[in-house]
């Protein structure tokens, strides 16, 4: 995901689907949301399940790593 996230209201995170997700590959979709002190990640196919919360610096490091590996 190459889109900059802005922190929103923590009670209602704005979920954004990965730019690499598409309708032809329904088994690999994630969504992310930025809240005040974390970046949340969830499975877009089952949004009722728990999400993962990462510190912003850890998410930024992951995105940088993923961009180099792509």
C-alpha atoms as a PDB file:
ATOM      1  CA  UNK A   1       0.000   0.000   0.000  1.00  0.00           C
ATOM      2  CA  UNK A   2       1.522   3.264  -1.077  1.00  0.00           C
ATOM      3  CA  UNK A   3      -1.163   5.644   0.191  1.00  0.00           C
ATOM      4  CA  UNK A   4      -0.385   7.917   3.138  1.00  0.00           C
ATOM      5  CA  UNK A   5      -2.827   7.356   5.973  1.00  0.00           C
ATOM      6  CA  UNK A   6      -4.110  10.108   8.207  1.00  0.00           C
ATOM      7  CA  UNK A   7      -5.180   9.427  11.754  1.00  0.00           C
ATOM      8  CA  UNK A   8      -8.920   9.717  12.187  1.00  0.00           C
ATOM      9  CA  UNK A   9     -11.339   9.327  15.051  1.00  0.00           C
ATOM     10  CA  UNK A  10     -10.217   6.206  16.946  1.00  0.00           C
ATOM     11  CA  UNK A  11     -13.827   5.155  17.574  1.00  0.00           C
ATOM     12  CA  UNK A  12     -14.582   4.909  13.845  1.00  0.00           C
ATOM     13  CA  UNK A  13     -11.456   4.036  11.873  1.00  0.00           C
ATOM     14  CA  UNK A  14     -11.543   4.640   8.121  1.00  0.00           C
ATOM     15  CA  UNK A  15     -10.589   1.308   6.553  1.00  0.00           C
ATOM     16  CA  UNK A  16      -8.747   1.398   3.230  1.00  0.00           C
ATOM     17  CA  UNK A  17      -8.329  -1.678   1.049  1.00  0.00           C
ATOM     18  CA  UNK A  18      -4.826  -2.464  -0.163  1.00  0.00           C
ATOM     19  CA  UNK A  19      -4.047  -1.069  -3.604  1.00  0.00           C
ATOM     20  CA  UNK A  20      -2.809  -4.565  -4.487  1.00  0.00           C
ATOM     21  CA  UNK A  21      -6.196  -6.180  -3.747  1.00  0.00           C
ATOM     22  CA  UNK A  22      -8.426  -6.830  -6.722  1.00  0.00           C
ATOM     23  CA  UNK A  23     -11.601  -8.719  -7.497  1.00  0.00           C
ATOM     24  CA  UNK A  24      -9.785 -11.455  -9.455  1.00  0.00           C
ATOM     25  CA  UNK A  25      -7.954 -12.703  -6.350  1.00  0.00           C
ATOM     26  CA  UNK A  26     -10.547 -12.764  -3.581  1.00  0.00           C
ATOM     27  CA  UNK A  27      -8.407 -14.823  -1.208  1.00  0.00           C
ATOM     28  CA  UNK A  28      -5.759 -12.163  -0.500  1.00  0.00           C
ATOM     29  CA  UNK A  29      -7.341  -8.914   0.671  1.00  0.00           C
ATOM     30  CA  UNK A  30      -6.343  -6.715   3.577  1.00  0.00           C
ATOM     31  CA  UNK A  31      -7.531  -3.357   4.819  1.00  0.00           C
ATOM     32  CA  UNK A  32      -5.675  -0.843   6.960  1.00  0.00           C
ATOM     33  CA  UNK A  33      -6.790   2.065   9.111  1.00  0.00           C
ATOM     34  CA  UNK A  34      -4.772   4.683  10.946  1.00  0.00           C
ATOM     35  CA  UNK A  35      -5.844   5.646  14.449  1.00  0.00           C
ATOM     36  CA  UNK A  36      -4.093   7.928  16.894  1.00  0.00           C
ATOM     37  CA  UNK A  37      -1.308   5.581  18.062  1.00  0.00           C
ATOM     38  CA  UNK A  38      -1.514   2.599  15.716  1.00  0.00           C
ATOM     39  CA  UNK A  39      -2.057   1.270  12.239  1.00  0.00           C
ATOM     40  CA  UNK A  40      -4.774  -1.388  12.210  1.00  0.00           C
ATOM     41  CA  UNK A  41      -4.787  -4.297   9.749  1.00  0.00           C
ATOM     42  CA  UNK A  42      -7.695  -6.666   9.099  1.00  0.00           C
ATOM     43  CA  UNK A  43      -8.919  -9.290   6.671  1.00  0.00           C
ATOM     44  CA  UNK A  44     -11.347  -7.537   4.329  1.00  0.00           C
ATOM     45  CA  UNK A  45     -13.263 -10.752   3.672  1.00  0.00           C
ATOM     46  CA  UNK A  46     -14.268 -11.139   7.342  1.00  0.00           C
ATOM     47  CA  UNK A  47     -14.321  -7.740   9.014  1.00  0.00           C
ATOM     48  CA  UNK A  48     -15.976  -9.109  12.173  1.00  0.00           C
ATOM     49  CA  UNK A  49     -12.784 -10.908  13.153  1.00  0.00           C
ATOM     50  CA  UNK A  50     -10.190  -9.148  15.313  1.00  0.00           C
ATOM     51  CA  UNK A  51      -7.695  -6.824  13.692  1.00  0.00           C
ATOM     52  CA  UNK A  52      -3.968  -6.433  14.313  1.00  0.00           C
ATOM     53  CA  UNK A  53      -2.605  -3.172  15.733  1.00  0.00           C
ATOM     54  CA  UNK A  54       0.935  -2.045  14.912  1.00  0.00           C
ATOM     55  CA  UNK A  55       2.892   0.986  16.116  1.00  0.00           C
ATOM     56  CA  UNK A  56       3.226   3.499  13.259  1.00  0.00           C
ATOM     57  CA  UNK A  57       7.029   3.084  13.116  1.00  0.00           C
ATOM     58  CA  UNK A  58       6.689  -0.694  12.734  1.00  0.00           C
ATOM     59  CA  UNK A  59       4.122  -0.291   9.929  1.00  0.00           C
ATOM     60  CA  UNK A  60       6.363   2.211   8.137  1.00  0.00           C
ATOM     61  CA  UNK A  61       9.290  -0.228   8.351  1.00  0.00           C
ATOM     62  CA  UNK A  62       7.114  -3.049   6.985  1.00  0.00           C
ATOM     63  CA  UNK A  63       5.887  -0.938   4.054  1.00  0.00           C
ATOM     64  CA  UNK A  64       9.465   0.100   3.212  1.00  0.00           C
ATOM     65  CA  UNK A  65      10.573  -3.547   3.325  1.00  0.00           C
ATOM     66  CA  UNK A  66       7.638  -4.691   1.181  1.00  0.00           C
ATOM     67  CA  UNK A  67       8.336  -1.975  -1.396  1.00  0.00           C
ATOM     68  CA  UNK A  68      11.956  -3.133  -1.727  1.00  0.00           C
ATOM     69  CA  UNK A  69      10.933  -6.793  -2.013  1.00  0.00           C
ATOM     70  CA  UNK A  70       8.320  -6.145  -4.734  1.00  0.00           C
END
